[in-house]
Amino acid sequence: MPKVLTIEDDAVTAREIIAELGSHGIEVEWVDNGRDGIIKAVGAPYDAITLDRILPGLDGLAIVTTMRQVGVETPVLMISALSDVDERVRGLRAGGDDYMTKPFAPDEMAARIEVLMRRRRTAGPVTELRVDDLELNLITRTARRGGLELELLPTEFRLLEFMMRNSGQVLTRMMIFETIWGLHFDPGTNLIDVHIGRLRKKIDRPGLPPLIRTVRGSGYMLADAR
């Protein structure tokens, strides 16, 4: 029997999810706060996770970001009362696989969970990321460009992984800050600029076409040199 973890602080919503998924032959384990949710999500195997965006203890964005950083690839359906486009984009870019807004139709939620589980069965795990001649091995935790190994600090590796997973997309300073450091954005800090600068020196060496680009007024983007 497939098993889904539901991280949801609203008991009524949780009961709806449990009843609907149960009618489709899916077992559901429910936790009602973020701190217990992240422990379950990274500590036990599940076929999928439904994740509320706003939770006591630890919010949904922090949970899915932490999962992806430690290599947990369980499909995540984020469910939230926050319906504007920016919130949906943040949820997906943080590592969510799908996003639904409340109130939702229980049968549609079940269908989306079934799609995520089916997609996971047919797709193998991602072990390597490539952008142009830049390679990142998620198993050995090594990086190469043009065949030359790069010496990256742990934070630099996480930052590069985030940028490569979202190659071709503009990543705002807020998105980078919250994803890599898990804190609310402080516009007065130069932490992001310092780490981007260090990463640039290692990746975009003299004589190589630059892959990391500054998008003025928006943030940063990593993309093919072509």
Protein backbone atom coordinates (compact mmCIF):
# COMPACT_ATOMS: atom_id res chain seq x y z
CA MET A 1 0.00 0.00 0.00
CA PRO A 2 1.43 3.44 -0.93
CA LYS A 3 2.17 5.66 2.05
CA VAL A 4 1.82 9.45 2.16
CA LEU A 5 2.96 11.85 4.87
CA THR A 6 0.58 14.76 5.49
CA ILE A 7 2.07 17.77 7.27
CA GLU A 8 -0.94 19.93 8.06
CA ASP A 9 -1.88 21.91 11.18
CA ASP A 10 -5.58 22.24 10.32
CA ALA A 11 -7.38 19.14 11.58
CA VAL A 12 -10.36 19.52 9.22
CA THR A 13 -8.11 19.71 6.16
CA ALA A 14 -6.01 16.80 7.41
CA ARG A 15 -9.10 14.62 7.87
CA GLU A 16 -10.23 15.45 4.31
CA ILE A 17 -6.84 14.41 2.94
CA ILE A 18 -6.76 11.21 5.00
CA ALA A 19 -10.30 10.22 3.96
CA GLU A 20 -9.82 10.97 0.26
CA LEU A 21 -6.43 9.28 -0.08
CA GLY A 22 -7.68 6.36 2.00
CA SER A 23 -10.52 5.84 -0.48
CA HIS A 24 -7.84 5.43 -3.16
CA GLY A 25 -5.99 2.77 -1.19
CA ILE A 26 -3.30 5.11 0.12
CA GLU A 27 -2.18 5.01 3.76
CA VAL A 28 -1.69 8.43 5.35
CA GLU A 29 0.45 9.42 8.33
CA TRP A 30 -0.42 12.85 9.75
CA VAL A 31 1.64 15.32 11.77
CA ASP A 32 0.35 18.76 12.73
CA ASN A 33 3.51 20.87 13.00
CA GLY A 34 6.62 21.66 11.03
CA ARG A 35 9.26 20.37 13.43
CA ASP A 36 7.76 16.89 13.67
CA GLY A 37 7.09 17.06 9.94
CA ILE A 38 10.71 17.58 8.93
CA ILE A 39 11.83 14.74 11.24
CA LYS A 40 9.36 12.37 9.57
CA ALA A 41 10.12 13.63 6.05
CA VAL A 42 13.86 13.03 6.26
CA GLY A 43 13.79 10.03 8.57
CA ALA A 44 11.33 7.62 6.96
CA PRO A 45 10.46 6.58 3.38
CA TYR A 46 7.19 7.87 1.90
CA ASP A 47 5.77 7.69 -1.60
CA ALA A 48 4.67 11.34 -1.46
CA ILE A 49 4.12 14.21 0.97
CA THR A 50 1.36 16.80 1.24
CA LEU A 51 2.84 19.90 2.84
CA ASP A 52 1.03 22.92 4.21
CA ARG A 53 2.80 26.21 3.42
CA ILE A 54 2.22 27.86 6.81
CA LEU A 55 2.89 25.68 9.86
CA PRO A 56 3.75 26.13 13.53
CA GLY A 57 7.36 25.43 14.41
CA LEU A 58 8.81 25.40 10.90
CA ASP A 59 7.13 26.58 7.72
CA GLY A 60 6.62 24.56 4.55
CA LEU A 61 9.28 26.35 2.50
CA ALA A 62 11.94 25.59 5.11
CA ILE A 63 10.85 21.94 5.23
CA VAL A 64 11.01 21.31 1.48
CA THR A 65 14.27 23.26 1.17
CA THR A 66 15.89 21.18 3.92
CA MET A 67 14.63 17.96 2.34
CA ARG A 68 16.23 18.77 -0.99
CA GLN A 69 19.47 19.93 0.60
CA VAL A 70 19.93 16.61 2.41
CA GLY A 71 19.02 14.59 -0.69
CA VAL A 72 15.43 13.55 0.11
CA GLU A 73 13.64 13.42 -3.26
CA THR A 74 10.16 12.38 -2.07
CA PRO A 75 7.56 14.15 -4.27
CA VAL A 76 5.92 17.06 -2.45
CA LEU A 77 2.48 18.55 -3.09
CA MET A 78 2.38 21.93 -1.36
CA ILE A 79 -1.06 23.04 -0.16
CA SER A 80 -1.60 26.62 0.90
CA ALA A 81 -4.09 29.43 1.41
CA LEU A 82 -1.48 31.70 -0.21
CA SER A 83 -2.64 31.79 -3.81
CA ASP A 84 -0.69 34.57 -5.53
CA VAL A 85 1.72 33.67 -8.30
CA ASP A 86 4.86 34.70 -6.38
CA GLU A 87 4.03 32.29 -3.55
CA ARG A 88 3.42 29.40 -5.96
CA VAL A 89 6.70 30.13 -7.72
CA ARG A 90 8.58 30.25 -4.41
CA GLY A 91 7.11 26.93 -3.35
CA LEU A 92 8.02 25.19 -6.60
CA ARG A 93 11.49 26.68 -6.81
CA ALA A 94 12.23 25.72 -3.20
CA GLY A 95 11.73 22.08 -4.17
CA GLY A 96 7.99 21.45 -4.30
CA ASP A 97 6.75 19.30 -7.18
CA ASP A 98 3.20 20.66 -7.33
CA TYR A 99 1.14 23.38 -5.63
CA MET A 100 -2.56 23.58 -4.72
CA THR A 101 -4.43 26.44 -3.10
CA LYS A 102 -7.06 26.15 -0.38
CA PRO A 103 -9.92 25.43 -0.57
CA PHE A 104 -9.30 22.50 -2.92
CA ALA A 105 -11.30 19.62 -4.36
CA PRO A 106 -10.25 16.42 -2.52
CA ASP A 107 -10.50 14.28 -5.68
CA GLU A 108 -8.19 16.65 -7.56
CA MET A 109 -5.71 16.51 -4.65
CA ALA A 110 -5.77 12.70 -4.79
CA ALA A 111 -5.25 12.75 -8.56
CA ARG A 112 -2.23 15.02 -8.22
CA ILE A 113 -0.72 12.76 -5.55
CA GLU A 114 -1.22 9.73 -7.81
CA VAL A 115 0.50 11.56 -10.69
CA LEU A 116 3.47 12.46 -8.47
CA MET A 117 3.84 8.86 -7.27
CA ARG A 118 3.56 7.50 -10.82
CA ARG A 119 6.14 10.01 -12.08
CA ARG A 120 8.53 8.97 -9.32
CA ARG A 121 8.24 5.28 -10.23
CA THR A 122 9.12 5.96 -13.88
CA ALA A 123 11.96 8.42 -13.29
CA GLY A 124 15.31 7.47 -11.80
CA PRO A 125 16.94 9.63 -9.13
CA VAL A 126 18.98 12.62 -10.27
CA THR A 127 22.62 12.06 -9.38
CA GLU A 128 24.32 14.62 -11.60
CA LEU A 129 23.53 18.13 -12.80
CA ARG A 130 24.99 19.66 -15.98
CA VAL A 131 24.94 23.19 -17.34
CA ASP A 132 27.17 23.76 -20.36
CA ASP A 133 30.58 22.28 -19.40
CA LEU A 134 29.85 22.57 -15.67
CA GLU A 135 29.12 19.28 -13.86
CA LEU A 136 27.91 18.69 -10.32
CA ASN A 137 27.91 15.15 -8.90
CA LEU A 138 25.38 14.87 -6.08
CA ILE A 139 26.71 11.51 -4.91
CA THR A 140 30.41 12.31 -4.60
CA ARG A 141 29.67 16.00 -3.85
CA THR A 142 32.19 17.13 -6.43
CA ALA A 143 32.10 19.79 -9.15
CA ARG A 144 34.00 20.11 -12.43
CA ARG A 145 34.16 22.63 -15.21
CA GLY A 146 35.84 21.69 -18.46
CA GLY A 147 37.12 18.54 -16.76
CA LEU A 148 38.91 20.48 -14.01
CA GLU A 149 37.73 19.77 -10.47
CA LEU A 150 36.58 22.74 -8.43
CA GLU A 151 37.24 23.07 -4.72
CA LEU A 152 33.96 24.22 -3.20
CA LEU A 153 33.07 24.89 0.41
CA PRO A 154 29.81 23.28 1.64
CA THR A 155 27.79 26.50 1.33
CA GLU A 156 29.22 27.12 -2.14
CA PHE A 157 28.19 23.61 -3.18
CA ARG A 158 24.61 24.15 -1.92
CA LEU A 159 24.43 27.50 -3.68
CA LEU A 160 25.71 26.03 -6.93
CA GLU A 161 23.31 23.09 -6.70
CA PHE A 162 20.37 25.47 -6.19
CA MET A 163 21.42 27.58 -9.18
CA MET A 164 21.99 24.56 -11.42
CA ARG A 165 18.65 22.97 -10.49
CA ASN A 166 17.07 26.25 -11.60
CA SER A 167 19.35 27.00 -14.55
CA GLY A 168 18.03 29.60 -16.94
CA GLN A 169 15.78 31.07 -14.21
CA VAL A 170 16.32 34.39 -12.46
CA LEU A 171 16.84 33.73 -8.74
CA THR A 172 16.11 36.70 -6.53
CA ARG A 173 18.27 37.55 -3.56
CA MET A 174 15.36 36.68 -1.28
CA MET A 175 14.98 33.23 -2.85
CA ILE A 176 18.70 32.53 -2.53
CA PHE A 177 18.89 33.76 1.04
CA GLU A 178 15.89 31.76 2.27
CA THR A 179 16.85 28.60 0.37
CA ILE A 180 20.53 28.45 1.31
CA TRP A 181 20.53 30.01 4.75
CA GLY A 182 16.92 29.40 5.78
CA LEU A 183 16.51 32.91 7.16
CA HIS A 184 14.31 35.85 6.30
CA PHE A 185 15.96 38.18 3.83
CA ASP A 186 17.97 41.07 5.28
CA PRO A 187 18.45 43.71 2.54
CA GLY A 188 21.36 45.20 4.46
CA THR A 189 23.61 42.14 4.27
CA ASN A 190 26.16 41.45 1.53
CA LEU A 191 26.31 37.73 2.36
CA ILE A 192 24.86 36.67 -1.00
CA ASP A 193 27.16 38.97 -2.99
CA VAL A 194 30.21 37.61 -1.19
CA HIS A 195 29.31 33.97 -1.90
CA ILE A 196 28.31 34.65 -5.50
CA GLY A 197 31.62 36.46 -5.97
CA ARG A 198 33.60 33.52 -4.59
CA LEU A 199 31.64 31.08 -6.73
CA ARG A 200 32.26 33.19 -9.83
CA LYS A 201 36.02 33.15 -9.26
CA LYS A 202 36.01 29.34 -9.17
CA ILE A 203 33.57 28.69 -12.02
CA ASP A 204 34.06 31.59 -14.42
CA ARG A 205 37.82 31.50 -14.58
CA PRO A 206 39.70 33.84 -16.96
CA GLY A 207 39.37 32.68 -20.55
CA LEU A 208 36.08 30.83 -19.97
CA PRO A 209 32.68 32.19 -21.02
CA PRO A 210 30.76 33.23 -17.88
CA LEU A 211 27.89 31.06 -16.70
CA ILE A 212 26.80 33.14 -13.68
CA ARG A 213 25.05 36.35 -14.67
CA THR A 214 23.82 39.31 -12.67
CA VAL A 215 20.29 40.37 -13.59
CA ARG A 216 20.15 44.00 -12.53
CA GLY A 217 17.35 44.80 -10.15
CA SER A 218 16.32 41.14 -9.90
CA GLY A 219 19.06 38.75 -8.80
CA TYR A 220 21.29 36.14 -10.39
CA MET A 221 21.03 33.44 -13.03
CA LEU A 222 23.20 30.49 -14.05
CA ALA A 223 22.79 29.47 -17.68
CA ASP A 224 24.58 28.03 -20.72
CA ALA A 225 27.21 30.33 -22.17
CA ARG A 226 25.70 29.87 -25.64
